[in-house]
Amino acid sequence: VCLPVAYLVKSVIFQYSFREALRRYMSDVMENGLLTKYWSLWGPVQCLTFGVVPQHLRIAFIALVSFFWLIIFSSVTAKGQKEREMVDDSCSLEDGVTCSIDG
């Protein structure tokens, strides 16, 4: 629930459509393994938080892990953005075979 909302908020800030935001989300999920990374991190973290970490340190522990999650999340979305820019810079195929290089 939180990840699509993050993409929608980003679309408002950077002024692109909600449809584009959801397309970018799906692209990052399918091509860059966003959900795999999400569950690989947060599943074990929650088990540690409620099973091992003392109650008075839980908030600090989650804050520390969240900091590193933001780094991972930013790298995934940046990778997706870089791939989208590469596709936009390639020549458009007018008939599916030949490139139009005149613009």
PDB file of N, CA and C in Angstrom:
ATOM      1  N   VAL A   1       0.822  -1.195   0.000  1.00  0.00           N
ATOM      2  CA  VAL A   1       0.000   0.000   0.000  1.00  0.00           C
ATOM      3  C   VAL A   1       0.867   1.260   0.000  1.00  0.00           C
ATOM      4  N   CYS A   2       1.960   1.235   0.724  1.00  0.00           N
ATOM      5  CA  CYS A   2       2.806   2.429   0.841  1.00  0.00           C
ATOM      6  C   CYS A   2       3.580   2.739  -0.433  1.00  0.00           C
ATOM      7  N   LEU A   3       4.040   1.725  -1.139  1.00  0.00           N
ATOM      8  CA  LEU A   3       4.867   1.972  -2.317  1.00  0.00           C
ATOM      9  C   LEU A   3       4.112   2.675  -3.444  1.00  0.00           C
ATOM     10  N   PRO A   4       2.910   2.223  -3.825  1.00  0.00           N
ATOM     11  CA  PRO A   4       2.197   2.970  -4.866  1.00  0.00           C
ATOM     12  C   PRO A   4       1.896   4.410  -4.451  1.00  0.00           C
ATOM     13  N   VAL A   5       1.612   4.619  -3.181  1.00  0.00           N
ATOM     14  CA  VAL A   5       1.348   5.979  -2.690  1.00  0.00           C
ATOM     15  C   VAL A   5       2.591   6.846  -2.861  1.00  0.00           C
ATOM     16  N   ALA A   6       3.766   6.282  -2.602  1.00  0.00           N
ATOM     17  CA  ALA A   6       5.011   7.035  -2.777  1.00  0.00           C
ATOM     18  C   ALA A   6       5.182   7.469  -4.234  1.00  0.00           C
ATOM     19  N   TYR A   7       4.847   6.590  -5.160  1.00  0.00           N
ATOM     20  CA  TYR A   7       4.937   6.935  -6.581  1.00  0.00           C
ATOM     21  C   TYR A   7       3.909   7.998  -6.956  1.00  0.00           C
ATOM     22  N   LEU A   8       2.705   7.933  -6.378  1.00  0.00           N
ATOM     23  CA  LEU A   8       1.681   8.940  -6.665  1.00  0.00           C
ATOM     24  C   LEU A   8       2.083  10.308  -6.118  1.00  0.00           C
ATOM     25  N   VAL A   9       2.662  10.338  -4.923  1.00  0.00           N
ATOM     26  CA  VAL A   9       3.136  11.611  -4.352  1.00  0.00           C
ATOM     27  C   VAL A   9       4.250  12.187  -5.218  1.00  0.00           C
ATOM     28  N   LYS A  10       5.141  11.324  -5.668  1.00  0.00           N
ATOM     29  CA  LYS A  10       6.226  11.782  -6.543  1.00  0.00           C
ATOM     30  C   LYS A  10       5.665  12.365  -7.841  1.00  0.00           C
ATOM     31  N   SER A  11       4.582  11.775  -8.350  1.00  0.00           N
ATOM     32  CA  SER A  11       3.985  12.305  -9.586  1.00  0.00           C
ATOM     33  C   SER A  11       3.408  13.697  -9.376  1.00  0.00           C
ATOM     34  N   VAL A  12       2.864  13.950  -8.200  1.00  0.00           N
ATOM     35  CA  VAL A  12       2.344  15.284  -7.906  1.00  0.00           C
ATOM     36  C   VAL A  12       3.495  16.287  -7.819  1.00  0.00           C
ATOM     37  N   ILE A  13       4.566  15.898  -7.153  1.00  0.00           N
ATOM     38  CA  ILE A  13       5.713  16.796  -6.978  1.00  0.00           C
ATOM     39  C   ILE A  13       6.393  17.098  -8.313  1.00  0.00           C
ATOM     40  N   PHE A  14       6.591  16.069  -9.137  1.00  0.00           N
ATOM     41  CA  PHE A  14       7.291  16.247 -10.408  1.00  0.00           C
ATOM     42  C   PHE A  14       6.345  16.489 -11.586  1.00  0.00           C
ATOM     43  N   GLN A  15       5.071  16.629 -11.316  1.00  0.00           N
ATOM     44  CA  GLN A  15       4.047  17.023 -12.278  1.00  0.00           C
ATOM     45  C   GLN A  15       3.948  16.102 -13.491  1.00  0.00           C
ATOM     46  N   TYR A  16       3.748  14.826 -13.227  1.00  0.00           N
ATOM     47  CA  TYR A  16       3.352  13.917 -14.293  1.00  0.00           C
ATOM     48  C   TYR A  16       2.105  13.166 -13.829  1.00  0.00           C
ATOM     49  N   SER A  17       1.454  12.493 -14.736  1.00  0.00           N
ATOM     50  CA  SER A  17       0.129  11.928 -14.462  1.00  0.00           C
ATOM     51  C   SER A  17       0.189  10.750 -13.492  1.00  0.00           C
ATOM     52  N   PHE A  18      -0.967  10.487 -12.871  1.00  0.00           N
ATOM     53  CA  PHE A  18      -1.079   9.327 -11.983  1.00  0.00           C
ATOM     54  C   PHE A  18      -0.898   8.033 -12.769  1.00  0.00           C
ATOM     55  N   ARG A  19      -1.366   8.035 -13.995  1.00  0.00           N
ATOM     56  CA  ARG A  19      -1.194   6.844 -14.840  1.00  0.00           C
ATOM     57  C   ARG A  19       0.295   6.573 -15.070  1.00  0.00           C
ATOM     58  N   GLU A  20       1.066   7.631 -15.336  1.00  0.00           N
ATOM     59  CA  GLU A  20       2.521   7.484 -15.506  1.00  0.00           C
ATOM     60  C   GLU A  20       3.172   7.008 -14.213  1.00  0.00           C
ATOM     61  N   ALA A  21       2.693   7.503 -13.075  1.00  0.00           N
ATOM     62  CA  ALA A  21       3.237   7.082 -11.779  1.00  0.00           C
ATOM     63  C   ALA A  21       3.017   5.588 -11.559  1.00  0.00           C
ATOM     64  N   LEU A  22       1.828   5.114 -11.850  1.00  0.00           N
ATOM     65  CA  LEU A  22       1.543   3.687 -11.678  1.00  0.00           C
ATOM     66  C   LEU A  22       2.298   2.843 -12.701  1.00  0.00           C
ATOM     67  N   ARG A  23       2.512   3.392 -13.896  1.00  0.00           N
ATOM     68  CA  ARG A  23       3.308   2.676 -14.894  1.00  0.00           C
ATOM     69  C   ARG A  23       4.753   2.533 -14.417  1.00  0.00           C
ATOM     70  N   ARG A  24       5.276   3.613 -13.827  1.00  0.00           N
ATOM     71  CA  ARG A  24       6.643   3.558 -13.297  1.00  0.00           C
ATOM     72  C   ARG A  24       6.742   2.577 -12.133  1.00  0.00           C
ATOM     73  N   TYR A  25       5.727   2.559 -11.289  1.00  0.00           N
ATOM     74  CA  TYR A  25       5.700   1.611 -10.173  1.00  0.00           C
ATOM     75  C   TYR A  25       5.730   0.180 -10.710  1.00  0.00           C
ATOM     76  N   MET A  26       4.865  -0.117 -11.659  1.00  0.00           N
ATOM     77  CA  MET A  26       4.815  -1.473 -12.214  1.00  0.00           C
ATOM     78  C   MET A  26       6.119  -1.833 -12.909  1.00  0.00           C
ATOM     79  N   SER A  27       6.726  -0.869 -13.571  1.00  0.00           N
ATOM     80  CA  SER A  27       8.014  -1.107 -14.217  1.00  0.00           C
ATOM     81  C   SER A  27       9.084  -1.454 -13.186  1.00  0.00           C
ATOM     82  N   ASP A  28       9.117  -0.713 -12.096  1.00  0.00           N
ATOM     83  CA  ASP A  28      10.110  -0.990 -11.052  1.00  0.00           C
ATOM     84  C   ASP A  28       9.846  -2.328 -10.366  1.00  0.00           C
ATOM     85  N   VAL A  29       8.592  -2.690 -10.226  1.00  0.00           N
ATOM     86  CA  VAL A  29       8.258  -3.983  -9.623  1.00  0.00           C
ATOM     87  C   VAL A  29       8.674  -5.121 -10.542  1.00  0.00           C
ATOM     88  N   MET A  30       8.306  -5.021 -11.812  1.00  0.00           N
ATOM     89  CA  MET A  30       8.541  -6.119 -12.753  1.00  0.00           C
ATOM     90  C   MET A  30       9.997  -6.209 -13.223  1.00  0.00           C
ATOM     91  N   GLU A  31      10.620  -5.072 -13.490  1.00  0.00           N
ATOM     92  CA  GLU A  31      11.948  -5.082 -14.098  1.00  0.00           C
ATOM     93  C   GLU A  31      13.090  -4.918 -13.098  1.00  0.00           C
ATOM     94  N   ASN A  32      12.848  -4.210 -12.002  1.00  0.00           N
ATOM     95  CA  ASN A  32      13.930  -3.917 -11.061  1.00  0.00           C
ATOM     96  C   ASN A  32      13.790  -4.643  -9.724  1.00  0.00           C
ATOM     97  N   GLY A  33      12.800  -5.497  -9.591  1.00  0.00           N
ATOM     98  CA  GLY A  33      12.659  -6.313  -8.395  1.00  0.00           C
ATOM     99  C   GLY A  33      12.346  -5.536  -7.127  1.00  0.00           C
ATOM    100  N   LEU A  34      11.535  -4.502  -7.240  1.00  0.00           N
ATOM    101  CA  LEU A  34      11.241  -3.654  -6.087  1.00  0.00           C
ATOM    102  C   LEU A  34      10.587  -4.429  -4.946  1.00  0.00           C
ATOM    103  N   LEU A  35       9.551  -5.213  -5.237  1.00  0.00           N
ATOM    104  CA  LEU A  35       8.863  -5.943  -4.168  1.00  0.00           C
ATOM    105  C   LEU A  35       9.729  -7.040  -3.568  1.00  0.00           C
ATOM    106  N   THR A  36      10.574  -7.645  -4.380  1.00  0.00           N
ATOM    107  CA  THR A  36      11.502  -8.649  -3.854  1.00  0.00           C
ATOM    108  C   THR A  36      12.442  -8.022  -2.829  1.00  0.00           C
ATOM    109  N   LYS A  37      12.973  -6.873  -3.163  1.00  0.00           N
ATOM    110  CA  LYS A  37      13.842  -6.166  -2.224  1.00  0.00           C
ATOM    111  C   LYS A  37      13.083  -5.739  -0.978  1.00  0.00           C
ATOM    112  N   TYR A  38      11.832  -5.273  -1.170  1.00  0.00           N
ATOM    113  CA  TYR A  38      10.997  -4.828  -0.056  1.00  0.00           C
ATOM    114  C   TYR A  38      10.767  -5.960   0.942  1.00  0.00           C
ATOM    115  N   TRP A  39      10.280  -7.090   0.445  1.00  0.00           N
ATOM    116  CA  TRP A  39       9.979  -8.204   1.341  1.00  0.00           C
ATOM    117  C   TRP A  39      11.245  -8.864   1.889  1.00  0.00           C
ATOM    118  N   SER A  40      12.329  -8.858   1.121  1.00  0.00           N
ATOM    119  CA  SER A  40      13.595  -9.424   1.605  1.00  0.00           C
ATOM    120  C   SER A  40      14.142  -8.634   2.784  1.00  0.00           C
ATOM    121  N   LEU A  41      13.860  -7.354   2.814  1.00  0.00           N
ATOM    122  CA  LEU A  41      14.327  -6.518   3.925  1.00  0.00           C
ATOM    123  C   LEU A  41      13.342  -6.518   5.083  1.00  0.00           C
ATOM    124  N   TRP A  42      12.083  -6.156   4.788  1.00  0.00           N
ATOM    125  CA  TRP A  42      11.142  -5.886   5.881  1.00  0.00           C
ATOM    126  C   TRP A  42      10.604  -7.124   6.576  1.00  0.00           C
ATOM    127  N   GLY A  43      10.525  -8.263   5.913  1.00  0.00           N
ATOM    128  CA  GLY A  43      10.090  -9.491   6.584  1.00  0.00           C
ATOM    129  C   GLY A  43      11.005  -9.854   7.749  1.00  0.00           C
ATOM    130  N   PRO A  44      12.309 -10.037   7.481  1.00  0.00           N
ATOM    131  CA  PRO A  44      13.228 -10.349   8.574  1.00  0.00           C
ATOM    132  C   PRO A  44      13.353  -9.223   9.610  1.00  0.00           C
ATOM    133  N   VAL A  45      13.283  -7.981   9.148  1.00  0.00           N
ATOM    134  CA  VAL A  45      13.392  -6.857  10.088  1.00  0.00           C
ATOM    135  C   VAL A  45      12.251  -6.891  11.102  1.00  0.00           C
ATOM    136  N   GLN A  46      11.036  -7.162  10.642  1.00  0.00           N
ATOM    137  CA  GLN A  46       9.907  -7.218  11.570  1.00  0.00           C
ATOM    138  C   GLN A  46      10.044  -8.389  12.537  1.00  0.00           C
ATOM    139  N   CYS A  47      10.550  -9.511  12.053  1.00  0.00           N
ATOM    140  CA  CYS A  47      10.786 -10.653  12.953  1.00  0.00           C
ATOM    141  C   CYS A  47      11.812 -10.288  14.022  1.00  0.00           C
ATOM    142  N   LEU A  48      12.885  -9.632  13.615  1.00  0.00           N
ATOM    143  CA  LEU A  48      13.898  -9.188  14.589  1.00  0.00           C
ATOM    144  C   LEU A  48      13.343  -8.151  15.556  1.00  0.00           C
ATOM    145  N   THR A  49      12.579  -7.212  15.018  1.00  0.00           N
ATOM    146  CA  THR A  49      12.051  -6.130  15.845  1.00  0.00           C
ATOM    147  C   THR A  49      11.209  -6.666  16.988  1.00  0.00           C
ATOM    148  N   PHE A  50      10.296  -7.572  16.689  1.00  0.00           N
ATOM    149  CA  PHE A  50       9.378  -8.038  17.714  1.00  0.00           C
ATOM    150  C   PHE A  50       9.837  -9.307  18.418  1.00  0.00           C
ATOM    151  N   GLY A  51      10.920  -9.918  17.924  1.00  0.00           N
ATOM    152  CA  GLY A  51      11.409 -11.135  18.557  1.00  0.00           C
ATOM    153  C   GLY A  51      12.691 -10.972  19.340  1.00  0.00           C
ATOM    154  N   VAL A  52      13.545 -10.041  18.927  1.00  0.00           N
ATOM    155  CA  VAL A  52      14.876  -9.935  19.514  1.00  0.00           C
ATOM    156  C   VAL A  52      15.156  -8.560  20.119  1.00  0.00           C
ATOM    157  N   VAL A  53      14.811  -7.508  19.405  1.00  0.00           N
ATOM    158  CA  VAL A  53      15.150  -6.145  19.822  1.00  0.00           C
ATOM    159  C   VAL A  53      14.355  -5.779  21.080  1.00  0.00           C
ATOM    160  N   PRO A  54      15.038  -5.283  22.113  1.00  0.00           N
ATOM    161  CA  PRO A  54      14.324  -4.858  23.323  1.00  0.00           C
ATOM    162  C   PRO A  54      13.310  -3.753  23.007  1.00  0.00           C
ATOM    163  N   GLN A  55      12.235  -3.745  23.752  1.00  0.00           N
ATOM    164  CA  GLN A  55      11.134  -2.827  23.480  1.00  0.00           C
ATOM    165  C   GLN A  55      11.576  -1.375  23.437  1.00  0.00           C
ATOM    166  N   HIS A  56      12.479  -0.966  24.301  1.00  0.00           N
ATOM    167  CA  HIS A  56      12.892   0.443  24.340  1.00  0.00           C
ATOM    168  C   HIS A  56      13.798   0.839  23.170  1.00  0.00           C
ATOM    169  N   LEU A  57      14.273  -0.118  22.387  1.00  0.00           N
ATOM    170  CA  LEU A  57      15.129   0.178  21.229  1.00  0.00           C
ATOM    171  C   LEU A  57      14.436  -0.044  19.881  1.00  0.00           C
ATOM    172  N   ARG A  58      13.180  -0.444  19.898  1.00  0.00           N
ATOM    173  CA  ARG A  58      12.493  -0.789  18.653  1.00  0.00           C
ATOM    174  C   ARG A  58      12.347   0.398  17.703  1.00  0.00           C
ATOM    175  N   ILE A  59      11.987   1.537  18.209  1.00  0.00           N
ATOM    176  CA  ILE A  59      11.809   2.700  17.335  1.00  0.00           C
ATOM    177  C   ILE A  59      13.132   3.099  16.697  1.00  0.00           C
ATOM    178  N   ALA A  60      14.194   3.108  17.475  1.00  0.00           N
ATOM    179  CA  ALA A  60      15.514   3.446  16.934  1.00  0.00           C
ATOM    180  C   ALA A  60      15.955   2.422  15.888  1.00  0.00           C
ATOM    181  N   PHE A  61      15.687   1.156  16.151  1.00  0.00           N
ATOM    182  CA  PHE A  61      16.055   0.101  15.208  1.00  0.00           C
ATOM    183  C   PHE A  61      15.312   0.267  13.885  1.00  0.00           C
ATOM    184  N   ILE A  62      14.003   0.476  13.948  1.00  0.00           N
ATOM    185  CA  ILE A  62      13.203   0.662  12.730  1.00  0.00           C
ATOM    186  C   ILE A  62      13.649   1.924  11.987  1.00  0.00           C
ATOM    187  N   ALA A  63      13.972   2.990  12.714  1.00  0.00           N
ATOM    188  CA  ALA A  63      14.439   4.229  12.075  1.00  0.00           C
ATOM    189  C   ALA A  63      15.753   3.982  11.333  1.00  0.00           C
ATOM    190  N   LEU A  64      16.650   3.222  11.935  1.00  0.00           N
ATOM    191  CA  LEU A  64      17.933   2.910  11.302  1.00  0.00           C
ATOM    192  C   LEU A  64      17.730   2.086  10.033  1.00  0.00           C
ATOM    193  N   VAL A  65      16.894   1.068  10.118  1.00  0.00           N
ATOM    194  CA  VAL A  65      16.635   0.236   8.946  1.00  0.00           C
ATOM    195  C   VAL A  65      15.912   1.049   7.871  1.00  0.00           C
ATOM    196  N   SER A  66      15.002   1.911   8.270  1.00  0.00           N
ATOM    197  CA  SER A  66      14.276   2.757   7.306  1.00  0.00           C
ATOM    198  C   SER A  66      15.217   3.659   6.532  1.00  0.00           C
ATOM    199  N   PHE A  67      16.247   4.158   7.202  1.00  0.00           N
ATOM    200  CA  PHE A  67      17.245   4.983   6.528  1.00  0.00           C
ATOM    201  C   PHE A  67      17.889   4.212   5.385  1.00  0.00           C
ATOM    202  N   PHE A  68      18.274   2.964   5.646  1.00  0.00           N
ATOM    203  CA  PHE A  68      18.903   2.157   4.606  1.00  0.00           C
ATOM    204  C   PHE A  68      17.894   1.725   3.541  1.00  0.00           C
ATOM    205  N   TRP A  69      16.632   1.522   3.938  1.00  0.00           N
ATOM    206  CA  TRP A  69      15.603   1.202   2.957  1.00  0.00           C
ATOM    207  C   TRP A  69      15.421   2.358   1.982  1.00  0.00           C
ATOM    208  N   LEU A  70      15.465   3.579   2.467  1.00  0.00           N
ATOM    209  CA  LEU A  70      15.323   4.736   1.571  1.00  0.00           C
ATOM    210  C   LEU A  70      16.453   4.789   0.548  1.00  0.00           C
ATOM    211  N   ILE A  71      17.642   4.400   0.953  1.00  0.00           N
ATOM    212  CA  ILE A  71      18.765   4.345   0.015  1.00  0.00           C
ATOM    213  C   ILE A  71      18.500   3.293  -1.061  1.00  0.00           C
ATOM    214  N   ILE A  72      18.038   2.113  -0.657  1.00  0.00           N
ATOM    215  CA  ILE A  72      17.729   1.044  -1.609  1.00  0.00           C
ATOM    216  C   ILE A  72      16.596   1.482  -2.541  1.00  0.00           C
ATOM    217  N   PHE A  73      15.545   2.041  -1.958  1.00  0.00           N
ATOM    218  CA  PHE A  73      14.376   2.491  -2.728  1.00  0.00           C
ATOM    219  C   PHE A  73      14.784   3.557  -3.747  1.00  0.00           C
ATOM    220  N   SER A  74      15.607   4.495  -3.339  1.00  0.00           N
ATOM    221  CA  SER A  74      16.071   5.549  -4.249  1.00  0.00           C
ATOM    222  C   SER A  74      16.904   4.977  -5.383  1.00  0.00           C
ATOM    223  N   SER A  75      17.734   3.987  -5.088  1.00  0.00           N
ATOM    224  CA  SER A  75      18.555   3.399  -6.147  1.00  0.00           C
ATOM    225  C   SER A  75      17.695   2.639  -7.155  1.00  0.00           C
ATOM    226  N   VAL A  76      16.645   1.967  -6.683  1.00  0.00           N
ATOM    227  CA  VAL A  76      15.753   1.246  -7.597  1.00  0.00           C
ATOM    228  C   VAL A  76      15.003   2.229  -8.490  1.00  0.00           C
ATOM    229  N   THR A  77      14.453   3.282  -7.907  1.00  0.00           N
ATOM    230  CA  THR A  77      13.700   4.235  -8.712  1.00  0.00           C
ATOM    231  C   THR A  77      14.610   5.017  -9.651  1.00  0.00           C
ATOM    232  N   ALA A  78      15.836   5.292  -9.227  1.00  0.00           N
ATOM    233  CA  ALA A  78      16.788   5.987 -10.098  1.00  0.00           C
ATOM    234  C   ALA A  78      17.189   5.097 -11.276  1.00  0.00           C
ATOM    235  N   LYS A  79      17.354   3.799 -11.004  1.00  0.00           N
ATOM    236  CA  LYS A  79      17.682   2.864 -12.076  1.00  0.00           C
ATOM    237  C   LYS A  79      16.553   2.830 -13.097  1.00  0.00           C
ATOM    238  N   GLY A  80      15.314   2.810 -12.622  1.00  0.00           N
ATOM    239  CA  GLY A  80      14.166   2.833 -13.528  1.00  0.00           C
ATOM    240  C   GLY A  80      14.108   4.117 -14.326  1.00  0.00           C
ATOM    241  N   GLN A  81      14.413   5.237 -13.691  1.00  0.00           N
ATOM    242  CA  GLN A  81      14.412   6.530 -14.383  1.00  0.00           C
ATOM    243  C   GLN A  81      15.493   6.560 -15.460  1.00  0.00           C
ATOM    244  N   LYS A  82      16.654   6.024 -15.158  1.00  0.00           N
ATOM    245  CA  LYS A  82      17.754   6.002 -16.122  1.00  0.00           C
ATOM    246  C   LYS A  82      17.371   5.162 -17.341  1.00  0.00           C
ATOM    247  N   GLU A  83      16.715   4.019 -17.109  1.00  0.00           N
ATOM    248  CA  GLU A  83      16.278   3.178 -18.219  1.00  0.00           C
ATOM    249  C   GLU A  83      15.227   3.895 -19.061  1.00  0.00           C
ATOM    250  N   ARG A  84      14.316   4.625 -18.423  1.00  0.00           N
ATOM    251  CA  ARG A  84      13.290   5.361 -19.171  1.00  0.00           C
ATOM    252  C   ARG A  84      13.915   6.452 -20.028  1.00  0.00           C
ATOM    253  N   GLU A  85      14.946   7.127 -19.499  1.00  0.00           N
ATOM    254  CA  GLU A  85      15.617   8.176 -20.270  1.00  0.00           C
ATOM    255  C   GLU A  85      16.345   7.592 -21.469  1.00  0.00           C
ATOM    256  N   MET A  86      16.935   6.405 -21.307  1.00  0.00           N
ATOM    257  CA  MET A  86      17.630   5.770 -22.424  1.00  0.00           C
ATOM    258  C   MET A  86      16.643   5.422 -23.533  1.00  0.00           C
ATOM    259  N   VAL A  87      15.458   4.972 -23.184  1.00  0.00           N
ATOM    260  CA  VAL A  87      14.440   4.643 -24.182  1.00  0.00           C
ATOM    261  C   VAL A  87      13.972   5.904 -24.879  1.00  0.00           C
ATOM    262  N   ASP A  88      13.811   7.003 -24.135  1.00  0.00           N
ATOM    263  CA  ASP A  88      13.365   8.264 -24.727  1.00  0.00           C
ATOM    264  C   ASP A  88      14.396   8.840 -25.680  1.00  0.00           C
ATOM    265  N   ASP A  89      15.693   8.597 -25.426  1.00  0.00           N
ATOM    266  CA  ASP A  89      16.755   9.141 -26.269  1.00  0.00           C
ATOM    267  C   ASP A  89      16.987   8.336 -27.541  1.00  0.00           C
ATOM    268  N   SER A  90      16.470   7.125 -27.590  1.00  0.00           N
ATOM    269  CA  SER A  90      16.683   6.312 -28.788  1.00  0.00           C
ATOM    270  C   SER A  90      15.817   6.847 -29.921  1.00  0.00           C
ATOM    271  N   CYS A  91      16.193   6.499 -31.131  1.00  0.00           N
ATOM    272  CA  CYS A  91      15.438   7.007 -32.280  1.00  0.00           C
ATOM    273  C   CYS A  91      14.086   6.315 -32.350  1.00  0.00           C
ATOM    274  N   SER A  92      13.114   7.033 -32.864  1.00  0.00           N
ATOM    275  CA  SER A  92      11.779   6.451 -33.005  1.00  0.00           C
ATOM    276  C   SER A  92      11.714   5.718 -34.337  1.00  0.00           C
ATOM    277  N   LEU A  93      11.122   4.570 -34.320  1.00  0.00           N
ATOM    278  CA  LEU A  93      10.975   3.785 -35.541  1.00  0.00           C
ATOM    279  C   LEU A  93       9.649   4.143 -36.188  1.00  0.00           C
ATOM    280  N   GLU A  94       9.732   4.822 -37.329  1.00  0.00           N
ATOM    281  CA  GLU A  94       8.516   5.271 -37.991  1.00  0.00           C
ATOM    282  C   GLU A  94       7.686   4.099 -38.503  1.00  0.00           C
ATOM    283  N   ASP A  95       8.333   3.180 -39.184  1.00  0.00           N
ATOM    284  CA  ASP A  95       7.603   2.045 -39.752  1.00  0.00           C
ATOM    285  C   ASP A  95       7.921   0.737 -39.035  1.00  0.00           C
ATOM    286  N   GLY A  96       8.590   0.847 -37.900  1.00  0.00           N
ATOM    287  CA  GLY A  96       8.952  -0.349 -37.144  1.00  0.00           C
ATOM    288  C   GLY A  96      10.291  -0.913 -37.534  1.00  0.00           C
ATOM    289  N   VAL A  97      10.907  -0.374 -38.597  1.00  0.00           N
ATOM    290  CA  VAL A  97      12.177  -0.891 -39.085  1.00  0.00           C
ATOM    291  C   VAL A  97      13.233   0.203 -39.176  1.00  0.00           C
ATOM    292  N   THR A  98      12.899   1.372 -39.747  1.00  0.00           N
ATOM    293  CA  THR A  98      13.866   2.421 -40.003  1.00  0.00           C
ATOM    294  C   THR A  98      13.728   3.571 -39.002  1.00  0.00           C
ATOM    295  N   CYS A  99      14.850   4.182 -38.682  1.00  0.00           N
ATOM    296  CA  CYS A  99      14.868   5.322 -37.761  1.00  0.00           C
ATOM    297  C   CYS A  99      14.715   6.630 -38.529  1.00  0.00           C
ATOM    298  N   SER A 100      14.023   7.554 -37.910  1.00  0.00           N
ATOM    299  CA  SER A 100      13.922   8.897 -38.455  1.00  0.00           C
ATOM    300  C   SER A 100      14.966   9.750 -37.719  1.00  0.00           C
ATOM    301  N   ILE A 101      16.032  10.127 -38.417  1.00  0.00           N
ATOM    302  CA  ILE A 101      17.078  10.890 -37.751  1.00  0.00           C
ATOM    303  C   ILE A 101      16.962  12.395 -37.997  1.00  0.00           C
ATOM    304  N   ASP A 102      15.945  12.815 -38.780  1.00  0.00           N
ATOM    305  CA  ASP A 102      15.760  14.249 -39.031  1.00  0.00           C
ATOM    306  C   ASP A 102      15.020  14.935 -37.893  1.00  0.00           C
ATOM    307  N   GLY A 103      14.535  14.193 -36.921  1.00  0.00           N
ATOM    308  CA  GLY A 103      13.813  14.806 -35.819  1.00  0.00           C
ATOM    309  C   GLY A 103      12.404  14.662 -36.050  1.00  0.00           C
TER     310      GLY A 103
END
